[in-house]
């Protein structure tokens, strides 16, 4: 049996056909994640980012420029909280600028983290302390602020504690897909 399509039939069928076509297209894009910009970062995704970090005065403190993109698991606490929050919902190729308060970065500057220790205690550990020197104790940076004949003043605050951080972030890949 042959079917003849009249112009009125096409007009009434076209909206249904178009709606089904869009549903199939959207479902295919979101399920495969192969269409750039369709997949967004979710907690648990392995992502790669390029980033540029500056202080409010414009001083750059870190960047991925000239290096491999930074790879981490989003939402896993591998990054400072504000950075982790900022990438959620971003798409591959998307760039975003964020301002991160100290509470969501390295915390407020803690005056109690500045301590005075006897110089002989450091010397017994094989350390000859010098002002401005940074030591790593338990993997954490500790800066020597002052050295006298009898004492060493150290600051165990992170170097970026108490500072607002500005980041420009670009998502390079999500779960290995660009």
N, C-alpha and C. Protein backbone atom coordinates (compact mmCIF):
# COMPACT_ATOMS: atom_id res chain seq x y z
N UNK A 1 0.84 -1.16 0.00
CA UNK A 1 0.00 0.00 0.00
C UNK A 1 0.89 1.23 0.00
N UNK A 2 0.57 2.19 -0.83
CA UNK A 2 1.33 3.43 -0.93
C UNK A 2 0.66 4.50 -0.10
N UNK A 3 1.53 5.32 0.51
CA UNK A 3 1.01 6.43 1.28
C UNK A 3 1.35 7.72 0.58
N UNK A 4 0.41 8.56 0.50
CA UNK A 4 0.64 9.87 -0.09
C UNK A 4 0.62 10.89 1.03
N UNK A 5 1.64 11.73 1.09
CA UNK A 5 1.70 12.75 2.13
C UNK A 5 1.26 14.06 1.51
N UNK A 6 0.29 14.64 2.14
CA UNK A 6 -0.22 15.93 1.68
C UNK A 6 0.46 17.03 2.48
N UNK A 7 0.48 18.23 1.97
CA UNK A 7 1.16 19.34 2.66
C UNK A 7 0.56 19.60 4.04
N UNK A 8 -0.73 19.41 4.23
CA UNK A 8 -1.35 19.59 5.55
C UNK A 8 -0.86 18.53 6.54
N UNK A 9 -0.61 17.28 6.03
CA UNK A 9 -0.10 16.21 6.90
C UNK A 9 1.29 16.55 7.41
N UNK A 10 2.15 17.10 6.55
CA UNK A 10 3.52 17.46 6.94
C UNK A 10 3.48 18.53 8.02
N UNK A 11 2.61 19.50 7.88
CA UNK A 11 2.51 20.57 8.87
C UNK A 11 2.09 20.02 10.22
N UNK A 12 1.23 19.02 10.27
CA UNK A 12 0.77 18.50 11.56
C UNK A 12 1.76 17.50 12.16
N UNK A 13 2.54 16.79 11.33
CA UNK A 13 3.50 15.80 11.81
C UNK A 13 4.84 16.45 12.16
N UNK A 14 5.21 17.52 11.50
CA UNK A 14 6.52 18.13 11.70
C UNK A 14 6.83 18.50 13.15
N UNK A 15 5.93 19.14 13.91
CA UNK A 15 6.27 19.46 15.30
C UNK A 15 6.59 18.22 16.13
N UNK A 16 5.87 17.14 15.90
CA UNK A 16 6.11 15.90 16.65
C UNK A 16 7.47 15.32 16.25
N UNK A 17 7.74 15.28 14.95
CA UNK A 17 9.02 14.77 14.45
C UNK A 17 10.17 15.60 15.01
N UNK A 18 10.04 16.90 14.98
CA UNK A 18 11.10 17.79 15.47
C UNK A 18 11.34 17.59 16.95
N UNK A 19 10.28 17.45 17.76
CA UNK A 19 10.41 17.23 19.20
C UNK A 19 11.13 15.92 19.48
N UNK A 20 10.76 14.85 18.76
CA UNK A 20 11.42 13.55 18.94
C UNK A 20 12.89 13.66 18.54
N UNK A 21 13.19 14.34 17.45
CA UNK A 21 14.56 14.53 17.00
C UNK A 21 15.39 15.23 18.07
N UNK A 22 14.86 16.28 18.67
CA UNK A 22 15.59 17.01 19.72
C UNK A 22 15.83 16.13 20.95
N UNK A 23 14.83 15.37 21.34
CA UNK A 23 14.97 14.49 22.51
C UNK A 23 16.08 13.47 22.26
N UNK A 24 16.10 12.85 21.09
CA UNK A 24 17.13 11.87 20.75
C UNK A 24 18.51 12.53 20.71
N UNK A 25 18.60 13.70 20.13
CA UNK A 25 19.87 14.41 20.04
C UNK A 25 20.40 14.77 21.43
N UNK A 26 19.57 15.33 22.26
CA UNK A 26 19.99 15.73 23.61
C UNK A 26 20.36 14.51 24.44
N UNK A 27 19.56 13.46 24.38
CA UNK A 27 19.86 12.24 25.14
C UNK A 27 21.18 11.64 24.70
N UNK A 28 21.44 11.64 23.42
CA UNK A 28 22.70 11.10 22.91
C UNK A 28 23.89 11.92 23.36
N UNK A 29 23.77 13.21 23.38
CA UNK A 29 24.88 14.08 23.78
C UNK A 29 25.20 13.95 25.25
N UNK A 30 24.19 13.92 26.08
CA UNK A 30 24.45 13.89 27.53
C UNK A 30 24.86 12.50 27.99
N UNK A 31 24.41 11.45 27.32
CA UNK A 31 24.79 10.12 27.79
C UNK A 31 26.21 9.78 27.36
N UNK A 32 26.66 10.23 26.21
CA UNK A 32 28.01 9.90 25.77
C UNK A 32 29.03 10.89 26.31
N UNK A 33 28.62 12.10 26.53
CA UNK A 33 29.55 13.12 27.01
C UNK A 33 30.57 13.49 25.97
N UNK A 34 30.35 13.13 24.71
CA UNK A 34 31.35 13.39 23.67
C UNK A 34 31.21 14.75 23.03
N UNK A 35 30.14 15.42 23.27
CA UNK A 35 29.96 16.72 22.65
C UNK A 35 30.54 17.78 23.59
N UNK A 36 31.53 18.51 23.12
CA UNK A 36 32.19 19.51 23.95
C UNK A 36 31.17 20.47 24.53
N UNK A 37 31.31 20.74 25.81
CA UNK A 37 30.45 21.70 26.47
C UNK A 37 29.17 21.10 27.04
N UNK A 38 28.89 19.84 26.74
CA UNK A 38 27.65 19.25 27.24
C UNK A 38 27.84 18.63 28.63
N UNK A 39 29.06 18.18 28.94
CA UNK A 39 29.33 17.56 30.23
C UNK A 39 29.83 18.62 31.20
N UNK A 40 29.32 18.60 32.41
CA UNK A 40 29.79 19.54 33.42
C UNK A 40 30.47 18.79 34.55
N UNK A 41 31.37 19.47 35.25
CA UNK A 41 32.11 18.87 36.35
C UNK A 41 31.16 18.58 37.51
N UNK A 42 31.26 17.35 38.01
CA UNK A 42 30.50 16.92 39.19
C UNK A 42 31.51 16.41 40.21
N UNK A 43 31.13 16.40 41.48
CA UNK A 43 31.98 15.83 42.52
C UNK A 43 32.31 14.39 42.14
N UNK A 44 33.56 14.02 42.25
CA UNK A 44 34.01 12.68 41.90
C UNK A 44 34.64 12.60 40.52
N UNK A 45 34.41 13.60 39.67
CA UNK A 45 35.03 13.61 38.35
C UNK A 45 36.53 13.86 38.47
N UNK A 46 37.31 13.19 37.63
CA UNK A 46 38.73 13.45 37.52
C UNK A 46 38.86 14.55 36.46
N UNK A 47 39.40 15.70 36.85
CA UNK A 47 39.47 16.82 35.92
C UNK A 47 40.90 17.32 35.78
N UNK A 48 41.14 18.05 34.70
CA UNK A 48 42.40 18.74 34.48
C UNK A 48 42.06 20.20 34.23
N UNK A 49 42.80 21.10 34.88
CA UNK A 49 42.56 22.53 34.74
C UNK A 49 43.85 23.28 34.49
N UNK A 50 43.73 24.37 33.77
CA UNK A 50 44.78 25.38 33.72
C UNK A 50 44.32 26.46 34.67
N UNK A 51 45.26 27.10 35.38
CA UNK A 51 44.88 28.12 36.35
C UNK A 51 45.96 29.17 36.48
N UNK A 52 45.54 30.34 36.94
CA UNK A 52 46.42 31.46 37.23
C UNK A 52 45.96 32.03 38.57
N UNK A 53 46.84 32.08 39.55
CA UNK A 53 46.47 32.57 40.88
C UNK A 53 47.19 33.87 41.21
N UNK A 54 46.41 34.88 41.63
CA UNK A 54 46.98 36.17 42.00
C UNK A 54 46.40 36.64 43.33
N UNK A 55 47.14 37.52 43.97
CA UNK A 55 46.65 38.18 45.18
C UNK A 55 45.90 39.43 44.75
N UNK A 56 45.22 40.08 45.69
CA UNK A 56 44.46 41.30 45.36
C UNK A 56 45.34 42.41 44.80
N UNK A 57 46.64 42.42 45.17
CA UNK A 57 47.52 43.47 44.66
C UNK A 57 48.08 43.14 43.28
N UNK A 58 47.65 42.01 42.70
CA UNK A 58 48.07 41.62 41.36
C UNK A 58 49.27 40.67 41.32
N UNK A 59 49.90 40.44 42.45
CA UNK A 59 51.05 39.53 42.50
C UNK A 59 50.60 38.10 42.17
N UNK A 60 51.26 37.49 41.20
CA UNK A 60 50.94 36.11 40.85
C UNK A 60 51.68 35.20 41.82
N UNK A 61 50.97 34.29 42.47
CA UNK A 61 51.60 33.37 43.42
C UNK A 61 51.73 31.96 42.86
N UNK A 62 50.98 31.63 41.80
CA UNK A 62 51.08 30.30 41.21
C UNK A 62 50.35 30.29 39.88
N UNK A 63 50.75 29.36 39.01
CA UNK A 63 50.09 29.17 37.72
C UNK A 63 50.47 27.80 37.17
N UNK A 64 49.64 27.29 36.30
CA UNK A 64 49.97 26.06 35.58
C UNK A 64 50.60 26.39 34.23
N UNK A 65 50.65 27.65 33.89
CA UNK A 65 51.19 28.07 32.60
C UNK A 65 52.62 27.55 32.43
N UNK A 66 52.88 26.94 31.29
CA UNK A 66 54.20 26.38 31.01
C UNK A 66 54.39 24.99 31.61
N UNK A 67 53.36 24.46 32.25
CA UNK A 67 53.40 23.12 32.85
C UNK A 67 52.19 22.33 32.38
N UNK A 68 52.14 21.09 32.77
CA UNK A 68 50.97 20.27 32.50
C UNK A 68 49.79 20.82 33.29
N UNK A 69 48.57 20.67 32.78
CA UNK A 69 47.40 21.09 33.57
C UNK A 69 47.38 20.35 34.91
N UNK A 70 46.80 20.99 35.90
CA UNK A 70 46.64 20.40 37.23
C UNK A 70 45.52 19.38 37.18
N UNK A 71 45.78 18.15 37.64
CA UNK A 71 44.77 17.09 37.64
C UNK A 71 44.39 16.77 39.08
N UNK A 72 43.09 16.62 39.32
CA UNK A 72 42.60 16.26 40.65
C UNK A 72 41.17 15.76 40.55
N UNK A 73 40.69 15.19 41.65
CA UNK A 73 39.31 14.73 41.71
C UNK A 73 38.46 15.84 42.31
N UNK A 74 37.50 16.32 41.56
CA UNK A 74 36.64 17.41 42.01
C UNK A 74 35.85 16.99 43.24
N UNK A 75 35.81 17.87 44.23
CA UNK A 75 35.01 17.63 45.43
C UNK A 75 35.62 16.66 46.42
N UNK A 76 36.86 16.22 46.19
CA UNK A 76 37.47 15.21 47.07
C UNK A 76 38.34 15.83 48.16
N UNK A 77 38.41 17.16 48.23
CA UNK A 77 39.21 17.81 49.26
C UNK A 77 40.69 17.83 48.95
N UNK A 78 41.05 17.57 47.71
CA UNK A 78 42.46 17.61 47.31
C UNK A 78 42.92 19.04 47.06
N UNK A 79 41.97 19.93 46.91
CA UNK A 79 42.26 21.34 46.65
C UNK A 79 41.68 22.17 47.80
N UNK A 80 42.05 23.45 47.84
CA UNK A 80 41.41 24.32 48.83
C UNK A 80 39.91 24.36 48.52
N UNK A 81 39.11 24.53 49.54
CA UNK A 81 37.65 24.42 49.41
C UNK A 81 37.07 25.35 48.34
N UNK A 82 37.52 26.58 48.30
CA UNK A 82 36.97 27.53 47.33
C UNK A 82 37.26 27.15 45.89
N UNK A 83 38.42 26.57 45.64
CA UNK A 83 38.79 26.12 44.29
C UNK A 83 37.93 24.92 43.92
N UNK A 84 37.80 23.99 44.86
CA UNK A 84 36.97 22.80 44.65
C UNK A 84 35.53 23.18 44.31
N UNK A 85 34.98 24.14 45.04
CA UNK A 85 33.60 24.59 44.79
C UNK A 85 33.48 25.28 43.43
N UNK A 86 34.51 26.04 43.07
CA UNK A 86 34.46 26.84 41.84
C UNK A 86 34.36 26.00 40.57
N UNK A 87 34.98 24.81 40.56
CA UNK A 87 34.99 24.02 39.33
C UNK A 87 33.70 23.24 39.11
N UNK A 88 32.93 23.00 40.17
CA UNK A 88 31.68 22.24 40.03
C UNK A 88 30.73 22.99 39.09
N UNK A 89 30.22 22.27 38.10
CA UNK A 89 29.28 22.86 37.14
C UNK A 89 29.94 23.47 35.92
N UNK A 90 31.28 23.55 35.90
CA UNK A 90 31.96 24.10 34.73
C UNK A 90 32.03 23.05 33.62
N UNK A 91 32.22 23.51 32.38
CA UNK A 91 32.30 22.65 31.20
C UNK A 91 33.70 22.70 30.62
N UNK A 92 34.06 21.71 29.83
CA UNK A 92 35.34 21.70 29.14
C UNK A 92 35.45 22.94 28.27
N UNK A 93 36.57 23.63 28.39
CA UNK A 93 36.82 24.85 27.62
C UNK A 93 36.33 26.11 28.32
N UNK A 94 35.49 25.96 29.34
CA UNK A 94 34.97 27.12 30.06
C UNK A 94 36.04 27.73 30.94
N UNK A 95 36.05 29.06 31.00
CA UNK A 95 36.95 29.80 31.88
C UNK A 95 36.12 30.56 32.89
N UNK A 96 36.66 30.68 34.10
CA UNK A 96 35.95 31.38 35.16
C UNK A 96 36.98 32.08 36.03
N UNK A 97 36.62 33.26 36.51
CA UNK A 97 37.45 33.97 37.49
C UNK A 97 36.72 33.94 38.81
N UNK A 98 37.44 33.57 39.88
CA UNK A 98 36.84 33.49 41.21
C UNK A 98 37.73 34.18 42.23
N UNK A 99 37.09 34.73 43.23
CA UNK A 99 37.77 35.35 44.37
C UNK A 99 37.47 34.46 45.56
N UNK A 100 38.53 33.98 46.22
CA UNK A 100 38.37 33.04 47.32
C UNK A 100 38.84 33.67 48.61
N UNK A 101 37.93 33.78 49.56
CA UNK A 101 38.23 34.36 50.87
C UNK A 101 39.15 33.42 51.65
N UNK A 102 39.91 33.96 52.60
CA UNK A 102 40.82 33.11 53.39
C UNK A 102 40.15 31.89 54.01
N UNK A 103 38.91 32.02 54.46
CA UNK A 103 38.22 30.89 55.10
C UNK A 103 38.07 29.70 54.15
N UNK A 104 37.98 29.95 52.85
CA UNK A 104 37.86 28.88 51.85
C UNK A 104 39.17 28.61 51.14
N UNK A 105 40.27 29.20 51.67
CA UNK A 105 41.59 28.99 51.08
C UNK A 105 42.50 28.36 52.14
N UNK A 106 43.43 29.14 52.67
CA UNK A 106 44.38 28.62 53.65
C UNK A 106 44.10 29.10 55.06
N UNK A 107 42.91 29.63 55.28
CA UNK A 107 42.51 30.06 56.62
C UNK A 107 43.00 31.45 56.96
N UNK A 108 42.50 31.94 58.06
CA UNK A 108 42.93 33.25 58.57
C UNK A 108 44.33 33.13 59.15
N UNK A 109 45.05 34.23 59.20
CA UNK A 109 46.37 34.24 59.82
C UNK A 109 46.19 34.03 61.32
N UNK A 110 46.90 33.07 61.89
CA UNK A 110 46.77 32.71 63.29
C UNK A 110 48.03 33.15 64.04
N UNK A 111 47.90 34.18 64.88
CA UNK A 111 49.04 34.69 65.66
C UNK A 111 49.61 33.61 66.58
N UNK A 112 48.78 32.66 67.01
CA UNK A 112 49.24 31.58 67.88
C UNK A 112 50.15 30.59 67.15
N UNK A 113 50.21 30.67 65.83
CA UNK A 113 51.09 29.79 65.06
C UNK A 113 52.50 30.36 64.96
N UNK A 114 52.72 31.54 65.54
CA UNK A 114 54.06 32.13 65.62
C UNK A 114 54.62 31.74 66.98
N UNK A 115 55.74 31.02 66.96
CA UNK A 115 56.30 30.47 68.20
C UNK A 115 57.79 30.81 68.33
N UNK A 116 58.25 30.80 69.56
CA UNK A 116 59.66 31.00 69.84
C UNK A 116 60.20 29.69 70.40
N UNK A 117 61.27 29.18 69.79
CA UNK A 117 61.88 27.93 70.25
C UNK A 117 63.36 28.18 70.54
N UNK A 118 63.92 27.43 71.47
CA UNK A 118 65.35 27.58 71.76
C UNK A 118 66.19 27.21 70.54
N UNK A 119 67.19 28.02 70.23
CA UNK A 119 68.02 27.77 69.06
C UNK A 119 68.72 26.43 69.16
N UNK A 120 69.11 26.04 70.38
CA UNK A 120 69.81 24.76 70.54
C UNK A 120 68.93 23.57 70.16
N UNK A 121 67.62 23.71 70.32
CA UNK A 121 66.71 22.63 69.92
C UNK A 121 66.79 22.41 68.41
N UNK A 122 66.86 23.49 67.65
CA UNK A 122 66.96 23.38 66.20
C UNK A 122 68.34 22.86 65.80
N UNK A 123 69.37 23.36 66.47
CA UNK A 123 70.73 22.93 66.14
C UNK A 123 70.92 21.45 66.44
N UNK A 124 70.30 20.95 67.49
CA UNK A 124 70.39 19.53 67.82
C UNK A 124 69.73 18.67 66.74
N UNK A 125 68.80 19.26 66.01
CA UNK A 125 68.14 18.56 64.90
C UNK A 125 68.92 18.71 63.60
N UNK A 126 70.10 19.36 63.68
CA UNK A 126 70.94 19.53 62.49
C UNK A 126 70.56 20.73 61.65
N UNK A 127 69.77 21.63 62.20
CA UNK A 127 69.32 22.81 61.45
C UNK A 127 70.10 24.03 61.94
N UNK A 128 70.71 24.75 61.01
CA UNK A 128 71.32 26.04 61.30
C UNK A 128 70.35 27.11 60.80
N UNK A 129 69.50 27.62 61.68
CA UNK A 129 68.43 28.54 61.25
C UNK A 129 68.95 29.89 60.76
N UNK A 130 68.28 30.38 59.70
CA UNK A 130 68.57 31.70 59.15
C UNK A 130 67.24 32.42 58.93
N UNK A 131 67.24 33.74 59.19
CA UNK A 131 66.01 34.52 58.95
C UNK A 131 65.58 34.39 57.50
N UNK A 132 64.27 34.23 57.30
CA UNK A 132 63.71 34.11 55.96
C UNK A 132 63.70 32.69 55.43
N UNK A 133 64.40 31.79 56.08
CA UNK A 133 64.48 30.40 55.65
C UNK A 133 63.11 29.72 55.85
N UNK A 134 62.77 28.82 54.93
CA UNK A 134 61.56 28.02 55.07
C UNK A 134 61.96 26.58 55.29
N UNK A 135 61.45 26.01 56.35
CA UNK A 135 61.68 24.60 56.67
C UNK A 135 60.37 23.86 56.46
N UNK A 136 60.47 22.57 56.29
CA UNK A 136 59.26 21.76 56.17
C UNK A 136 59.24 20.78 57.33
N UNK A 137 58.25 20.95 58.19
CA UNK A 137 58.10 20.09 59.36
C UNK A 137 56.78 19.34 59.19
N UNK A 138 56.88 18.03 59.08
CA UNK A 138 55.69 17.22 58.83
C UNK A 138 55.04 17.56 57.51
N UNK A 139 55.85 17.98 56.54
CA UNK A 139 55.34 18.34 55.22
C UNK A 139 54.75 19.73 55.13
N UNK A 140 54.72 20.45 56.24
CA UNK A 140 54.14 21.80 56.26
C UNK A 140 55.26 22.85 56.29
N UNK A 141 55.09 23.93 55.52
CA UNK A 141 56.11 24.98 55.53
C UNK A 141 56.09 25.78 56.83
N UNK A 142 57.28 26.04 57.36
CA UNK A 142 57.46 26.84 58.56
C UNK A 142 58.54 27.87 58.22
N UNK A 143 58.21 29.14 58.38
CA UNK A 143 59.15 30.21 58.02
C UNK A 143 59.85 30.73 59.28
N UNK A 144 61.15 30.93 59.17
CA UNK A 144 61.92 31.50 60.27
C UNK A 144 61.87 33.02 60.14
N UNK A 145 61.28 33.65 61.16
CA UNK A 145 61.12 35.10 61.15
C UNK A 145 62.31 35.83 61.76
N UNK A 146 62.87 35.26 62.84
CA UNK A 146 63.92 35.96 63.57
C UNK A 146 64.84 34.94 64.24
N UNK A 147 66.14 35.24 64.25
CA UNK A 147 67.12 34.38 64.90
C UNK A 147 67.97 35.24 65.82
N UNK A 148 68.08 34.82 67.10
CA UNK A 148 68.99 35.48 68.04
C UNK A 148 69.99 34.43 68.51
N UNK A 149 70.85 34.80 69.42
CA UNK A 149 71.84 33.85 69.94
C UNK A 149 71.18 32.71 70.71
N UNK A 150 69.96 32.94 71.22
CA UNK A 150 69.33 31.94 72.07
C UNK A 150 67.98 31.42 71.56
N UNK A 151 67.33 32.16 70.65
CA UNK A 151 65.97 31.80 70.23
C UNK A 151 65.78 31.92 68.73
N UNK A 152 64.78 31.18 68.27
CA UNK A 152 64.37 31.27 66.87
C UNK A 152 62.85 31.49 66.88
N UNK A 153 62.40 32.54 66.19
CA UNK A 153 60.97 32.80 66.06
C UNK A 153 60.53 32.21 64.72
N UNK A 154 59.55 31.28 64.80
CA UNK A 154 59.06 30.63 63.59
C UNK A 154 57.57 30.91 63.40
N UNK A 155 57.16 30.89 62.14
CA UNK A 155 55.76 31.12 61.78
C UNK A 155 55.26 29.88 61.05
N UNK A 156 54.33 29.16 61.67
CA UNK A 156 53.80 27.93 61.09
C UNK A 156 52.55 28.17 60.24
N UNK A 157 52.16 29.43 60.03
CA UNK A 157 51.04 29.72 59.14
C UNK A 157 51.45 29.39 57.71
N UNK A 158 50.49 28.95 56.90
CA UNK A 158 50.75 28.77 55.48
C UNK A 158 51.11 30.14 54.91
N UNK A 159 52.02 30.22 53.95
CA UNK A 159 52.39 31.53 53.38
C UNK A 159 51.22 32.33 52.82
N UNK A 160 50.13 31.66 52.44
CA UNK A 160 48.96 32.36 51.89
C UNK A 160 47.83 32.50 52.91
N UNK A 161 48.09 32.16 54.17
CA UNK A 161 47.06 32.31 55.21
C UNK A 161 46.69 33.78 55.36
N UNK A 162 45.39 34.04 55.51
CA UNK A 162 44.91 35.41 55.70
C UNK A 162 44.79 36.20 54.42
N UNK A 163 45.08 35.58 53.30
CA UNK A 163 45.04 36.31 52.02
C UNK A 163 43.85 35.86 51.18
N UNK A 164 43.26 36.83 50.49
CA UNK A 164 42.20 36.54 49.51
C UNK A 164 42.91 36.14 48.22
N UNK A 165 42.48 35.03 47.65
CA UNK A 165 43.11 34.51 46.44
C UNK A 165 42.18 34.68 45.24
N UNK A 166 42.76 35.09 44.14
CA UNK A 166 42.01 35.26 42.89
C UNK A 166 42.52 34.23 41.90
N UNK A 167 41.61 33.47 41.32
CA UNK A 167 41.99 32.45 40.35
C UNK A 167 41.24 32.66 39.05
N UNK A 168 41.95 32.45 37.96
CA UNK A 168 41.32 32.28 36.65
C UNK A 168 41.50 30.80 36.38
N UNK A 169 40.38 30.10 36.15
CA UNK A 169 40.38 28.65 35.99
C UNK A 169 39.82 28.30 34.62
N UNK A 170 40.48 27.37 33.94
CA UNK A 170 39.96 26.87 32.66
C UNK A 170 39.94 25.34 32.72
N UNK A 171 38.78 24.76 32.44
CA UNK A 171 38.64 23.30 32.44
C UNK A 171 39.22 22.76 31.13
N UNK A 172 40.21 21.87 31.26
CA UNK A 172 40.86 21.28 30.10
C UNK A 172 40.22 19.94 29.74
N UNK A 173 39.90 19.13 30.77
CA UNK A 173 39.25 17.85 30.49
C UNK A 173 38.46 17.40 31.72
N UNK A 174 37.46 16.56 31.45
CA UNK A 174 36.65 15.92 32.49
C UNK A 174 36.71 14.43 32.23
N UNK A 175 37.19 13.68 33.22
CA UNK A 175 37.33 12.22 33.07
C UNK A 175 38.08 11.84 31.79
N UNK A 176 39.11 12.62 31.49
CA UNK A 176 39.97 12.33 30.34
C UNK A 176 39.42 12.78 29.01
N UNK A 177 38.24 13.41 29.00
CA UNK A 177 37.65 13.83 27.72
C UNK A 177 37.77 15.35 27.57
N UNK A 178 38.31 15.75 26.42
CA UNK A 178 38.46 17.18 26.13
C UNK A 178 37.22 17.72 25.47
